[in-house]
N, C-alpha and C. Protein backbone atom coordinates (compact mmCIF):
# COMPACT_ATOMS: atom_id res chain seq x y z
N MET A 1 0.84 -1.18 0.00
CA MET A 1 0.00 0.00 0.00
C MET A 1 0.89 1.25 0.00
N GLU A 2 0.57 2.17 -0.88
CA GLU A 2 1.31 3.43 -0.93
C GLU A 2 0.83 4.35 0.18
N LYS A 3 1.77 4.87 0.92
CA LYS A 3 1.43 5.78 2.01
C LYS A 3 1.46 7.21 1.47
N ASP A 4 0.32 7.61 0.92
CA ASP A 4 0.20 8.94 0.35
C ASP A 4 -0.58 9.85 1.29
N LEU A 5 -0.87 11.05 0.83
CA LEU A 5 -1.57 12.02 1.66
C LEU A 5 -2.90 11.49 2.18
N GLU A 6 -3.68 10.86 1.33
CA GLU A 6 -4.99 10.34 1.74
C GLU A 6 -4.84 9.25 2.81
N TYR A 7 -3.81 8.43 2.67
CA TYR A 7 -3.55 7.40 3.68
C TYR A 7 -3.36 8.05 5.05
N TYR A 8 -2.48 9.04 5.11
CA TYR A 8 -2.19 9.70 6.38
C TYR A 8 -3.38 10.48 6.93
N LEU A 9 -4.16 11.10 6.06
CA LEU A 9 -5.32 11.87 6.52
C LEU A 9 -6.36 10.98 7.20
N ASN A 10 -6.40 9.71 6.83
CA ASN A 10 -7.42 8.81 7.37
C ASN A 10 -6.95 7.98 8.57
N LEU A 11 -5.76 8.28 9.09
CA LEU A 11 -5.30 7.57 10.28
C LEU A 11 -6.04 8.08 11.51
N ASP A 12 -6.06 7.27 12.54
CA ASP A 12 -6.74 7.61 13.79
C ASP A 12 -5.74 8.33 14.71
N TRP A 13 -5.49 9.59 14.41
CA TRP A 13 -4.51 10.39 15.14
C TRP A 13 -4.93 10.57 16.60
N THR A 14 -3.94 10.72 17.46
CA THR A 14 -4.19 10.97 18.88
C THR A 14 -4.33 12.48 19.08
N LEU A 15 -5.58 12.93 19.25
CA LEU A 15 -5.83 14.35 19.41
C LEU A 15 -5.72 14.76 20.87
N ILE A 16 -5.12 15.90 21.09
CA ILE A 16 -5.03 16.50 22.41
C ILE A 16 -5.76 17.84 22.32
N GLU A 17 -6.86 17.95 23.06
CA GLU A 17 -7.65 19.18 23.01
C GLU A 17 -7.44 19.96 24.30
N GLY A 18 -7.44 21.27 24.19
CA GLY A 18 -7.26 22.08 25.37
C GLY A 18 -7.76 23.50 25.18
N GLU A 19 -7.65 24.26 26.24
CA GLU A 19 -8.06 25.66 26.23
C GLU A 19 -6.97 26.48 26.91
N ASP A 20 -6.74 27.68 26.39
CA ASP A 20 -5.74 28.56 26.96
C ASP A 20 -6.20 29.99 26.74
N LEU A 21 -5.38 30.94 27.19
CA LEU A 21 -5.69 32.35 27.00
C LEU A 21 -4.70 32.96 26.02
N ASP A 22 -5.19 33.85 25.15
CA ASP A 22 -4.30 34.52 24.22
C ASP A 22 -3.60 35.68 24.94
N PHE A 23 -2.84 36.48 24.19
CA PHE A 23 -2.07 37.58 24.79
C PHE A 23 -2.95 38.66 25.40
N GLU A 24 -4.20 38.70 25.00
CA GLU A 24 -5.14 39.69 25.54
C GLU A 24 -6.00 39.10 26.66
N GLY A 25 -5.74 37.86 27.04
CA GLY A 25 -6.49 37.22 28.11
C GLY A 25 -7.80 36.59 27.66
N LYS A 26 -8.01 36.50 26.35
CA LYS A 26 -9.24 35.89 25.83
C LYS A 26 -9.02 34.40 25.61
N PRO A 27 -10.01 33.59 25.95
CA PRO A 27 -9.83 32.14 25.79
C PRO A 27 -9.87 31.70 24.32
N TYR A 28 -9.11 30.68 24.03
CA TYR A 28 -9.15 30.02 22.73
C TYR A 28 -8.99 28.52 22.97
N HIS A 29 -9.35 27.74 21.99
CA HIS A 29 -9.27 26.29 22.07
C HIS A 29 -8.25 25.79 21.05
N TYR A 30 -7.60 24.72 21.40
CA TYR A 30 -6.60 24.18 20.48
C TYR A 30 -6.73 22.66 20.37
N ILE A 31 -6.20 22.18 19.25
CA ILE A 31 -6.08 20.74 19.01
C ILE A 31 -4.64 20.49 18.59
N MET A 32 -3.99 19.59 19.30
CA MET A 32 -2.65 19.15 18.95
C MET A 32 -2.73 17.68 18.58
N ILE A 33 -1.74 17.20 17.86
CA ILE A 33 -1.68 15.79 17.49
C ILE A 33 -0.41 15.22 18.10
N GLU A 34 -0.58 14.23 18.97
CA GLU A 34 0.55 13.67 19.71
C GLU A 34 1.66 13.19 18.79
N GLU A 35 1.31 12.57 17.69
CA GLU A 35 2.31 11.99 16.79
C GLU A 35 3.02 13.03 15.93
N ILE A 36 2.48 14.25 15.86
CA ILE A 36 3.10 15.32 15.06
C ILE A 36 3.34 16.50 16.01
N PRO A 37 4.49 16.53 16.70
CA PRO A 37 4.73 17.55 17.72
C PRO A 37 4.63 18.99 17.22
N SER A 38 4.86 19.22 15.95
CA SER A 38 4.79 20.59 15.42
C SER A 38 3.37 21.03 15.10
N PHE A 39 2.39 20.16 15.25
CA PHE A 39 1.01 20.49 14.87
C PHE A 39 0.22 21.08 16.03
N CYS A 40 -0.40 22.23 15.77
CA CYS A 40 -1.32 22.83 16.73
C CYS A 40 -2.30 23.71 15.94
N PHE A 41 -3.58 23.48 16.13
CA PHE A 41 -4.61 24.27 15.46
C PHE A 41 -5.44 24.97 16.53
N CYS A 42 -5.67 26.27 16.36
CA CYS A 42 -6.40 27.07 17.35
C CYS A 42 -7.66 27.68 16.73
N ALA A 43 -8.69 27.82 17.57
CA ALA A 43 -9.95 28.43 17.16
C ALA A 43 -10.63 29.03 18.40
N LYS A 44 -11.63 29.86 18.16
CA LYS A 44 -12.34 30.50 19.28
C LYS A 44 -13.20 29.53 20.06
N SER A 45 -13.64 28.45 19.43
CA SER A 45 -14.45 27.45 20.13
C SER A 45 -13.93 26.06 19.79
N ILE A 46 -14.19 25.11 20.69
CA ILE A 46 -13.73 23.74 20.44
C ILE A 46 -14.46 23.15 19.24
N GLU A 47 -15.71 23.57 19.04
CA GLU A 47 -16.46 23.07 17.89
C GLU A 47 -15.79 23.49 16.58
N LYS A 48 -15.36 24.76 16.51
CA LYS A 48 -14.68 25.25 15.30
C LYS A 48 -13.33 24.56 15.12
N ALA A 49 -12.64 24.33 16.23
CA ALA A 49 -11.35 23.65 16.14
C ALA A 49 -11.54 22.24 15.59
N ARG A 50 -12.52 21.50 16.12
CA ARG A 50 -12.79 20.13 15.64
C ARG A 50 -13.24 20.13 14.18
N GLU A 51 -13.98 21.15 13.81
CA GLU A 51 -14.53 21.24 12.46
C GLU A 51 -13.44 21.54 11.42
N ASN A 52 -12.39 22.28 11.83
CA ASN A 52 -11.44 22.80 10.84
C ASN A 52 -9.99 22.33 10.96
N TYR A 53 -9.63 21.56 11.98
CA TYR A 53 -8.22 21.22 12.14
C TYR A 53 -7.68 20.37 11.00
N LYS A 54 -8.55 19.61 10.34
CA LYS A 54 -8.07 18.73 9.26
C LYS A 54 -7.56 19.51 8.05
N LYS A 55 -8.01 20.74 7.89
CA LYS A 55 -7.48 21.57 6.79
C LYS A 55 -5.99 21.84 7.03
N GLN A 56 -5.65 22.18 8.27
CA GLN A 56 -4.25 22.42 8.60
C GLN A 56 -3.46 21.11 8.60
N LEU A 57 -4.09 20.04 9.05
CA LEU A 57 -3.42 18.73 9.04
C LEU A 57 -3.03 18.36 7.61
N ARG A 58 -3.92 18.60 6.67
CA ARG A 58 -3.63 18.31 5.25
C ARG A 58 -2.37 19.06 4.81
N LEU A 59 -2.30 20.36 5.11
CA LEU A 59 -1.15 21.17 4.71
C LEU A 59 0.13 20.70 5.40
N THR A 60 0.03 20.39 6.69
CA THR A 60 1.18 19.91 7.44
C THR A 60 1.72 18.62 6.86
N LEU A 61 0.82 17.68 6.56
CA LEU A 61 1.24 16.40 6.00
C LEU A 61 1.82 16.56 4.60
N MET A 62 1.27 17.47 3.82
CA MET A 62 1.81 17.73 2.47
C MET A 62 3.26 18.18 2.57
N VAL A 63 3.55 19.10 3.47
CA VAL A 63 4.92 19.60 3.65
C VAL A 63 5.83 18.47 4.14
N MET A 64 5.34 17.69 5.09
CA MET A 64 6.15 16.59 5.62
C MET A 64 6.46 15.56 4.54
N LEU A 65 5.49 15.22 3.71
CA LEU A 65 5.71 14.26 2.63
C LEU A 65 6.67 14.81 1.58
N GLU A 66 6.49 16.08 1.21
CA GLU A 66 7.35 16.69 0.19
C GLU A 66 8.80 16.80 0.66
N SER A 67 9.00 17.02 1.96
CA SER A 67 10.36 17.18 2.48
C SER A 67 10.99 15.85 2.90
N GLY A 68 10.21 14.77 2.81
CA GLY A 68 10.73 13.46 3.17
C GLY A 68 10.85 13.25 4.67
N GLU A 69 10.16 14.07 5.44
CA GLU A 69 10.20 13.96 6.89
C GLU A 69 9.48 12.68 7.34
N GLN A 70 10.01 12.04 8.36
CA GLN A 70 9.37 10.84 8.89
C GLN A 70 8.05 11.22 9.55
N ILE A 71 7.00 10.47 9.24
CA ILE A 71 5.70 10.68 9.85
C ILE A 71 5.43 9.51 10.77
N LEU A 72 5.40 9.81 12.05
CA LEU A 72 5.13 8.79 13.06
C LEU A 72 3.64 8.49 13.06
N GLU A 73 3.28 7.25 12.83
CA GLU A 73 1.87 6.87 12.78
C GLU A 73 1.36 6.53 14.17
N PRO A 74 0.05 6.66 14.39
CA PRO A 74 -0.52 6.29 15.69
C PRO A 74 -0.15 4.86 16.07
N GLY A 75 0.31 4.69 17.30
CA GLY A 75 0.70 3.36 17.78
C GLY A 75 2.17 3.05 17.58
N GLU A 76 2.87 3.82 16.76
CA GLU A 76 4.31 3.58 16.55
C GLU A 76 5.10 4.24 17.67
N GLU A 77 6.19 3.62 18.03
CA GLU A 77 7.09 4.18 19.03
C GLU A 77 8.12 5.05 18.32
N LYS A 78 8.40 6.19 18.91
CA LYS A 78 9.43 7.05 18.35
C LYS A 78 10.79 6.41 18.60
N GLU A 79 11.64 6.45 17.58
CA GLU A 79 12.96 5.84 17.70
C GLU A 79 13.80 6.65 18.69
N GLU A 80 14.51 5.91 19.54
CA GLU A 80 15.40 6.55 20.50
C GLU A 80 16.61 7.12 19.75
N ILE A 81 17.05 8.28 20.17
CA ILE A 81 18.22 8.90 19.56
C ILE A 81 19.47 8.28 20.18
N ASN A 82 20.39 7.86 19.32
CA ASN A 82 21.66 7.33 19.78
C ASN A 82 22.63 8.50 19.84
N TRP A 83 22.75 9.10 21.03
CA TRP A 83 23.55 10.30 21.18
C TRP A 83 25.01 10.05 20.92
N GLU A 84 25.49 8.82 21.10
CA GLU A 84 26.91 8.53 20.84
C GLU A 84 27.24 8.63 19.35
N ASP A 85 26.24 8.33 18.49
CA ASP A 85 26.46 8.46 17.04
C ASP A 85 26.43 9.94 16.63
N ILE A 86 25.65 10.74 17.34
CA ILE A 86 25.52 12.15 16.99
C ILE A 86 26.67 12.96 17.58
N CYS A 87 27.01 12.68 18.84
CA CYS A 87 28.05 13.44 19.56
C CYS A 87 29.08 12.48 20.11
N PRO A 88 29.99 11.98 19.26
CA PRO A 88 30.97 10.99 19.75
C PRO A 88 31.95 11.59 20.74
């Protein structure tokens, strides 16, 4: 099976939902994806965040695929860094 954009968009990602305050003290809601540490989508309501985060996910995955970046799938363990190989 080819792991293309549609394949990744249909995975059962681990969503992390939360609420925080912006710089003006106004609340906003966010959705992060555990497997993609750089991903965070924000909206004024959790309903809007849930409704629209996949648009940003599509763009994020497109960039990751085009740059050849490893995409950690749900359920996969992140590889441990061998620091001795990096910093002998």
